[in-house]
Amino acid sequence: MTTEAMTKEELLGNCPKCGKSWDGGPIPENMREHYSPPYRWSLVIDLEDPKVYDGVSWWKCPHCGATFDRFKKIKN
């Protein structure tokens, strides 16, 4: 694994473990001013541990429960 952070596009892809989609569909046009392209929701669950980092440290798949380090690229 590399030390590059996961991209927004990776969070809209599929879980590397179970293969199910993390794409939650389009963000309504009237709410897009608060978001950036590609204007889609992600189903990924944010996990935080303030003892490790002040912010999201891991992502969790809502389908299978697998967790992934936010700061490492996922290899499929």
PDB file of N, CA and C in Angstrom:
ATOM      1  N   MET A   1       0.831  -1.190   0.000  1.00  0.00           N
ATOM      2  CA  MET A   1       0.000   0.000   0.000  1.00  0.00           C
ATOM      3  C   MET A   1       0.873   1.250   0.000  1.00  0.00           C
ATOM      4  N   THR A   2       0.349   2.299  -0.602  1.00  0.00           N
ATOM      5  CA  THR A   2       1.063   3.567  -0.598  1.00  0.00           C
ATOM      6  C   THR A   2       0.547   4.419   0.555  1.00  0.00           C
ATOM      7  N   THR A   3       1.141   5.589   0.754  1.00  0.00           N
ATOM      8  CA  THR A   3       0.708   6.463   1.835  1.00  0.00           C
ATOM      9  C   THR A   3      -0.180   7.597   1.341  1.00  0.00           C
ATOM     10  N   GLU A   4      -0.620   7.554   0.102  1.00  0.00           N
ATOM     11  CA  GLU A   4      -1.506   8.581  -0.429  1.00  0.00           C
ATOM     12  C   GLU A   4      -2.916   8.365   0.119  1.00  0.00           C
ATOM     13  N   ALA A   5      -3.622   9.461   0.394  1.00  0.00           N
ATOM     14  CA  ALA A   5      -4.986   9.367   0.901  1.00  0.00           C
ATOM     15  C   ALA A   5      -5.936   8.888  -0.188  1.00  0.00           C
ATOM     16  N   MET A   6      -7.030   8.258   0.236  1.00  0.00           N
ATOM     17  CA  MET A   6      -8.048   7.810  -0.712  1.00  0.00           C
ATOM     18  C   MET A   6      -8.729   9.027  -1.328  1.00  0.00           C
ATOM     19  N   THR A   7      -9.078   8.926  -2.596  1.00  0.00           N
ATOM     20  CA  THR A   7      -9.744  10.024  -3.290  1.00  0.00           C
ATOM     21  C   THR A   7     -11.255   9.918  -3.133  1.00  0.00           C
ATOM     22  N   LYS A   8     -11.937  11.015  -3.434  1.00  0.00           N
ATOM     23  CA  LYS A   8     -13.389  11.032  -3.381  1.00  0.00           C
ATOM     24  C   LYS A   8     -13.974  10.004  -4.350  1.00  0.00           C
ATOM     25  N   GLU A   9     -13.347   9.862  -5.507  1.00  0.00           N
ATOM     26  CA  GLU A   9     -13.839   8.900  -6.493  1.00  0.00           C
ATOM     27  C   GLU A   9     -13.755   7.471  -5.955  1.00  0.00           C
ATOM     28  N   GLU A  10     -12.708   7.169  -5.162  1.00  0.00           N
ATOM     29  CA  GLU A  10     -12.594   5.833  -4.578  1.00  0.00           C
ATOM     30  C   GLU A  10     -13.718   5.568  -3.579  1.00  0.00           C
ATOM     31  N   LEU A  11     -14.172   6.611  -2.898  1.00  0.00           N
ATOM     32  CA  LEU A  11     -15.257   6.452  -1.936  1.00  0.00           C
ATOM     33  C   LEU A  11     -16.600   6.234  -2.619  1.00  0.00           C
ATOM     34  N   LEU A  12     -16.675   6.498  -3.913  1.00  0.00           N
ATOM     35  CA  LEU A  12     -17.900   6.270  -4.675  1.00  0.00           C
ATOM     36  C   LEU A  12     -17.829   4.960  -5.455  1.00  0.00           C
ATOM     37  N   GLY A  13     -16.731   4.261  -5.333  1.00  0.00           N
ATOM     38  CA  GLY A  13     -16.552   3.004  -6.062  1.00  0.00           C
ATOM     39  C   GLY A  13     -17.186   1.828  -5.337  1.00  0.00           C
ATOM     40  N   ASN A  14     -16.533   0.685  -5.433  1.00  0.00           N
ATOM     41  CA  ASN A  14     -17.024  -0.536  -4.797  1.00  0.00           C
ATOM     42  C   ASN A  14     -16.081  -0.960  -3.689  1.00  0.00           C
ATOM     43  N   CYS A  15     -16.621  -1.632  -2.691  1.00  0.00           N
ATOM     44  CA  CYS A  15     -15.817  -2.148  -1.592  1.00  0.00           C
ATOM     45  C   CYS A  15     -14.851  -3.208  -2.135  1.00  0.00           C
ATOM     46  N   PRO A  16     -13.553  -3.096  -1.821  1.00  0.00           N
ATOM     47  CA  PRO A  16     -12.595  -4.091  -2.296  1.00  0.00           C
ATOM     48  C   PRO A  16     -12.808  -5.468  -1.672  1.00  0.00           C
ATOM     49  N   LYS A  17     -13.510  -5.518  -0.544  1.00  0.00           N
ATOM     50  CA  LYS A  17     -13.735  -6.797   0.116  1.00  0.00           C
ATOM     51  C   LYS A  17     -14.997  -7.500  -0.389  1.00  0.00           C
ATOM     52  N   CYS A  18     -16.145  -6.813  -0.353  1.00  0.00           N
ATOM     53  CA  CYS A  18     -17.411  -7.466  -0.730  1.00  0.00           C
ATOM     54  C   CYS A  18     -17.866  -7.124  -2.147  1.00  0.00           C
ATOM     55  N   GLY A  19     -17.299  -6.058  -2.732  1.00  0.00           N
ATOM     56  CA  GLY A  19     -17.632  -5.683  -4.102  1.00  0.00           C
ATOM     57  C   GLY A  19     -18.888  -4.862  -4.267  1.00  0.00           C
ATOM     58  N   LYS A  20     -19.602  -4.571  -3.181  1.00  0.00           N
ATOM     59  CA  LYS A  20     -20.839  -3.785  -3.298  1.00  0.00           C
ATOM     60  C   LYS A  20     -20.524  -2.304  -3.448  1.00  0.00           C
ATOM     61  N   SER A  21     -21.422  -1.584  -4.112  1.00  0.00           N
ATOM     62  CA  SER A  21     -21.230  -0.172  -4.428  1.00  0.00           C
ATOM     63  C   SER A  21     -21.349   0.713  -3.192  1.00  0.00           C
ATOM     64  N   TRP A  22     -20.470   1.731  -3.147  1.00  0.00           N
ATOM     65  CA  TRP A  22     -20.536   2.757  -2.107  1.00  0.00           C
ATOM     66  C   TRP A  22     -21.219   4.014  -2.620  1.00  0.00           C
ATOM     67  N   ASP A  23     -21.696   4.021  -3.850  1.00  0.00           N
ATOM     68  CA  ASP A  23     -22.334   5.185  -4.451  1.00  0.00           C
ATOM     69  C   ASP A  23     -23.757   5.310  -3.923  1.00  0.00           C
ATOM     70  N   GLY A  24     -24.037   6.429  -3.249  1.00  0.00           N
ATOM     71  CA  GLY A  24     -25.357   6.665  -2.669  1.00  0.00           C
ATOM     72  C   GLY A  24     -26.291   7.446  -3.565  1.00  0.00           C
ATOM     73  N   GLY A  25     -25.884   7.711  -4.801  1.00  0.00           N
ATOM     74  CA  GLY A  25     -26.750   8.422  -5.735  1.00  0.00           C
ATOM     75  C   GLY A  25     -26.421   9.902  -5.814  1.00  0.00           C
ATOM     76  N   PRO A  26     -27.132  10.613  -6.676  1.00  0.00           N
ATOM     77  CA  PRO A  26     -26.842  12.031  -6.901  1.00  0.00           C
ATOM     78  C   PRO A  26     -27.286  12.930  -5.746  1.00  0.00           C
ATOM     79  N   ILE A  27     -26.506  13.974  -5.507  1.00  0.00           N
ATOM     80  CA  ILE A  27     -26.888  15.008  -4.546  1.00  0.00           C
ATOM     81  C   ILE A  27     -27.857  15.938  -5.263  1.00  0.00           C
ATOM     82  N   PRO A  28     -29.001  16.289  -4.644  1.00  0.00           N
ATOM     83  CA  PRO A  28     -29.965  17.177  -5.298  1.00  0.00           C
ATOM     84  C   PRO A  28     -29.324  18.510  -5.697  1.00  0.00           C
ATOM     85  N   GLU A  29     -29.732  19.031  -6.836  1.00  0.00           N
ATOM     86  CA  GLU A  29     -29.135  20.251  -7.373  1.00  0.00           C
ATOM     87  C   GLU A  29     -29.196  21.414  -6.393  1.00  0.00           C
ATOM     88  N   ASN A  30     -30.277  21.530  -5.604  1.00  0.00           N
ATOM     89  CA  ASN A  30     -30.410  22.658  -4.685  1.00  0.00           C
ATOM     90  C   ASN A  30     -29.453  22.567  -3.493  1.00  0.00           C
ATOM     91  N   MET A  31     -28.724  21.459  -3.347  1.00  0.00           N
ATOM     92  CA  MET A  31     -27.764  21.293  -2.254  1.00  0.00           C
ATOM     93  C   MET A  31     -26.322  21.276  -2.750  1.00  0.00           C
ATOM     94  N   ARG A  32     -26.104  21.313  -4.027  1.00  0.00           N
ATOM     95  CA  ARG A  32     -24.763  21.147  -4.590  1.00  0.00           C
ATOM     96  C   ARG A  32     -23.803  22.284  -4.267  1.00  0.00           C
ATOM     97  N   GLU A  33     -24.309  23.448  -3.890  1.00  0.00           N
ATOM     98  CA  GLU A  33     -23.418  24.559  -3.576  1.00  0.00           C
ATOM     99  C   GLU A  33     -22.514  24.240  -2.383  1.00  0.00           C
ATOM    100  N   HIS A  34     -22.883  23.262  -1.575  1.00  0.00           N
ATOM    101  CA  HIS A  34     -22.106  22.884  -0.395  1.00  0.00           C
ATOM    102  C   HIS A  34     -21.160  21.720  -0.670  1.00  0.00           C
ATOM    103  N   TYR A  35     -21.144  21.215  -1.892  1.00  0.00           N
ATOM    104  CA  TYR A  35     -20.347  20.040  -2.250  1.00  0.00           C
ATOM    105  C   TYR A  35     -19.535  20.311  -3.501  1.00  0.00           C
ATOM    106  N   SER A  36     -18.665  19.381  -3.833  1.00  0.00           N
ATOM    107  CA  SER A  36     -17.864  19.514  -5.058  1.00  0.00           C
ATOM    108  C   SER A  36     -18.153  18.325  -5.974  1.00  0.00           C
ATOM    109  N   PRO A  37     -17.865  18.480  -7.272  1.00  0.00           N
ATOM    110  CA  PRO A  37     -18.109  17.376  -8.206  1.00  0.00           C
ATOM    111  C   PRO A  37     -17.391  16.119  -7.742  1.00  0.00           C
ATOM    112  N   PRO A  38     -17.953  14.984  -7.983  1.00  0.00           N
ATOM    113  CA  PRO A  38     -18.995  14.644  -8.953  1.00  0.00           C
ATOM    114  C   PRO A  38     -20.427  14.733  -8.425  1.00  0.00           C
ATOM    115  N   TYR A  39     -20.670  15.426  -7.301  1.00  0.00           N
ATOM    116  CA  TYR A  39     -22.011  15.636  -6.752  1.00  0.00           C
ATOM    117  C   TYR A  39     -22.773  14.341  -6.519  1.00  0.00           C
ATOM    118  N   ARG A  40     -22.148  13.433  -5.773  1.00  0.00           N
ATOM    119  CA  ARG A  40     -22.788  12.163  -5.433  1.00  0.00           C
ATOM    120  C   ARG A  40     -22.553  11.874  -3.961  1.00  0.00           C
ATOM    121  N   TRP A  41     -23.534  11.255  -3.310  1.00  0.00           N
ATOM    122  CA  TRP A  41     -23.396  10.828  -1.921  1.00  0.00           C
ATOM    123  C   TRP A  41     -22.521   9.580  -1.863  1.00  0.00           C
ATOM    124  N   SER A  42     -21.829   9.414  -0.767  1.00  0.00           N
ATOM    125  CA  SER A  42     -21.082   8.187  -0.512  1.00  0.00           C
ATOM    126  C   SER A  42     -21.731   7.487   0.673  1.00  0.00           C
ATOM    127  N   LEU A  43     -21.870   6.171   0.600  1.00  0.00           N
ATOM    128  CA  LEU A  43     -22.450   5.392   1.693  1.00  0.00           C
ATOM    129  C   LEU A  43     -21.410   4.997   2.741  1.00  0.00           C
ATOM    130  N   VAL A  44     -20.146   5.289   2.475  1.00  0.00           N
ATOM    131  CA  VAL A  44     -19.062   4.912   3.385  1.00  0.00           C
ATOM    132  C   VAL A  44     -19.270   5.584   4.747  1.00  0.00           C
ATOM    133  N   ILE A  45     -19.015   4.839   5.803  1.00  0.00           N
ATOM    134  CA  ILE A  45     -19.157   5.332   7.177  1.00  0.00           C
ATOM    135  C   ILE A  45     -17.799   5.851   7.656  1.00  0.00           C
ATOM    136  N   ASP A  46     -17.786   7.061   8.216  1.00  0.00           N
ATOM    137  CA  ASP A  46     -16.557   7.656   8.751  1.00  0.00           C
ATOM    138  C   ASP A  46     -16.315   7.139  10.162  1.00  0.00           C
ATOM    139  N   LEU A  47     -15.072   6.768  10.458  1.00  0.00           N
ATOM    140  CA  LEU A  47     -14.691   6.344  11.803  1.00  0.00           C
ATOM    141  C   LEU A  47     -13.590   7.264  12.307  1.00  0.00           C
ATOM    142  N   GLU A  48     -13.768   7.768  13.531  1.00  0.00           N
ATOM    143  CA  GLU A  48     -12.800   8.671  14.122  1.00  0.00           C
ATOM    144  C   GLU A  48     -12.286   8.132  15.449  1.00  0.00           C
ATOM    145  N   ASP A  49     -11.045   8.451  15.775  1.00  0.00           N
ATOM    146  CA  ASP A  49     -10.459   8.173  17.080  1.00  0.00           C
ATOM    147  C   ASP A  49      -9.582   9.366  17.418  1.00  0.00           C
ATOM    148  N   PRO A  50     -10.071  10.268  18.287  1.00  0.00           N
ATOM    149  CA  PRO A  50      -9.334  11.483  18.600  1.00  0.00           C
ATOM    150  C   PRO A  50      -7.937  11.235  19.168  1.00  0.00           C
ATOM    151  N   LYS A  51      -7.686  10.038  19.669  1.00  0.00           N
ATOM    152  CA  LYS A  51      -6.356   9.711  20.189  1.00  0.00           C
ATOM    153  C   LYS A  51      -5.362   9.468  19.052  1.00  0.00           C
ATOM    154  N   VAL A  52      -5.895   9.152  17.865  1.00  0.00           N
ATOM    155  CA  VAL A  52      -5.052   8.855  16.701  1.00  0.00           C
ATOM    156  C   VAL A  52      -4.925  10.075  15.793  1.00  0.00           C
ATOM    157  N   TYR A  53      -6.057  10.736  15.507  1.00  0.00           N
ATOM    158  CA  TYR A  53      -6.080  11.841  14.547  1.00  0.00           C
ATOM    159  C   TYR A  53      -7.340  12.656  14.792  1.00  0.00           C
ATOM    160  N   ASP A  54      -7.256  13.971  14.628  1.00  0.00           N
ATOM    161  CA  ASP A  54      -8.410  14.844  14.814  1.00  0.00           C
ATOM    162  C   ASP A  54      -9.200  14.902  13.513  1.00  0.00           C
ATOM    163  N   GLY A  55      -9.982  13.888  13.272  1.00  0.00           N
ATOM    164  CA  GLY A  55     -10.768  13.777  12.046  1.00  0.00           C
ATOM    165  C   GLY A  55     -10.935  12.308  11.689  1.00  0.00           C
ATOM    166  N   VAL A  56     -11.445  12.059  10.498  1.00  0.00           N
ATOM    167  CA  VAL A  56     -11.705  10.690  10.049  1.00  0.00           C
ATOM    168  C   VAL A  56     -10.383   9.962   9.793  1.00  0.00           C
ATOM    169  N   SER A  57     -10.219   8.804  10.428  1.00  0.00           N
ATOM    170  CA  SER A  57      -9.011   7.990  10.239  1.00  0.00           C
ATOM    171  C   SER A  57      -9.272   6.744   9.408  1.00  0.00           C
ATOM    172  N   TRP A  58     -10.499   6.235   9.450  1.00  0.00           N
ATOM    173  CA  TRP A  58     -10.840   5.017   8.724  1.00  0.00           C
ATOM    174  C   TRP A  58     -12.203   5.170   8.066  1.00  0.00           C
ATOM    175  N   TRP A  59     -12.402   4.394   7.014  1.00  0.00           N
ATOM    176  CA  TRP A  59     -13.700   4.285   6.342  1.00  0.00           C
ATOM    177  C   TRP A  59     -14.216   2.880   6.617  1.00  0.00           C
ATOM    178  N   LYS A  60     -15.530   2.741   6.742  1.00  0.00           N
ATOM    179  CA  LYS A  60     -16.143   1.436   6.998  1.00  0.00           C
ATOM    180  C   LYS A  60     -17.204   1.166   5.937  1.00  0.00           C
ATOM    181  N   CYS A  61     -17.162  -0.025   5.365  1.00  0.00           N
ATOM    182  CA  CYS A  61     -18.163  -0.414   4.371  1.00  0.00           C
ATOM    183  C   CYS A  61     -19.485  -0.669   5.085  1.00  0.00           C
ATOM    184  N   PRO A  62     -20.582  -0.046   4.625  1.00  0.00           N
ATOM    185  CA  PRO A  62     -21.874  -0.248   5.263  1.00  0.00           C
ATOM    186  C   PRO A  62     -22.475  -1.621   4.975  1.00  0.00           C
ATOM    187  N   HIS A  63     -21.912  -2.328   4.011  1.00  0.00           N
ATOM    188  CA  HIS A  63     -22.463  -3.625   3.613  1.00  0.00           C
ATOM    189  C   HIS A  63     -21.822  -4.790   4.362  1.00  0.00           C
ATOM    190  N   CYS A  64     -20.487  -4.813   4.423  1.00  0.00           N
ATOM    191  CA  CYS A  64     -19.794  -5.961   5.034  1.00  0.00           C
ATOM    192  C   CYS A  64     -19.076  -5.616   6.335  1.00  0.00           C
ATOM    193  N   GLY A  65     -18.945  -4.318   6.632  1.00  0.00           N
ATOM    194  CA  GLY A  65     -18.293  -3.903   7.869  1.00  0.00           C
ATOM    195  C   GLY A  65     -16.778  -3.825   7.804  1.00  0.00           C
ATOM    196  N   ALA A  66     -16.179  -4.096   6.640  1.00  0.00           N
ATOM    197  CA  ALA A  66     -14.723  -4.005   6.503  1.00  0.00           C
ATOM    198  C   ALA A  66     -14.289  -2.551   6.700  1.00  0.00           C
ATOM    199  N   THR A  67     -13.120  -2.358   7.331  1.00  0.00           N
ATOM    200  CA  THR A  67     -12.593  -1.013   7.524  1.00  0.00           C
ATOM    201  C   THR A  67     -11.315  -0.828   6.717  1.00  0.00           C
ATOM    202  N   PHE A  68     -11.094   0.423   6.302  1.00  0.00           N
ATOM    203  CA  PHE A  68      -9.959   0.764   5.465  1.00  0.00           C
ATOM    204  C   PHE A  68      -9.329   2.049   5.980  1.00  0.00           C
ATOM    205  N   ASP A  69      -8.009   2.075   6.067  1.00  0.00           N
ATOM    206  CA  ASP A  69      -7.271   3.238   6.507  1.00  0.00           C
ATOM    207  C   ASP A  69      -7.480   4.376   5.513  1.00  0.00           C
ATOM    208  N   ARG A  70      -7.946   5.500   5.998  1.00  0.00           N
ATOM    209  CA  ARG A  70      -8.228   6.644   5.122  1.00  0.00           C
ATOM    210  C   ARG A  70      -6.983   7.128   4.387  1.00  0.00           C
ATOM    211  N   PHE A  71      -5.834   6.991   5.007  1.00  0.00           N
ATOM    212  CA  PHE A  71      -4.615   7.550   4.450  1.00  0.00           C
ATOM    213  C   PHE A  71      -3.808   6.586   3.608  1.00  0.00           C
ATOM    214  N   LYS A  72      -4.387   5.457   3.265  1.00  0.00           N
ATOM    215  CA  LYS A  72      -3.683   4.491   2.410  1.00  0.00           C
ATOM    216  C   LYS A  72      -4.566   4.103   1.246  1.00  0.00           C
ATOM    217  N   LYS A  73      -3.966   4.067   0.075  1.00  0.00           N
ATOM    218  CA  LYS A  73      -4.697   3.634  -1.123  1.00  0.00           C
ATOM    219  C   LYS A  73      -5.127   2.202  -0.958  1.00  0.00           C
ATOM    220  N   ILE A  74      -6.271   1.872  -1.506  1.00  0.00           N
ATOM    221  CA  ILE A  74      -6.775   0.503  -1.493  1.00  0.00           C
ATOM    222  C   ILE A  74      -6.319  -0.186  -2.765  1.00  0.00           C
ATOM    223  N   LYS A  75      -5.741  -1.346  -2.633  1.00  0.00           N
ATOM    224  CA  LYS A  75      -5.364  -2.127  -3.806  1.00  0.00           C
ATOM    225  C   LYS A  75      -6.444  -3.175  -4.035  1.00  0.00           C
ATOM    226  N   ASN A  76      -7.013  -3.171  -5.235  1.00  0.00           N
ATOM    227  CA  ASN A  76      -8.034  -4.170  -5.578  1.00  0.00           C
ATOM    228  C   ASN A  76      -7.389  -5.415  -6.109  1.00  0.00           C
TER     229      ASN A  76
END
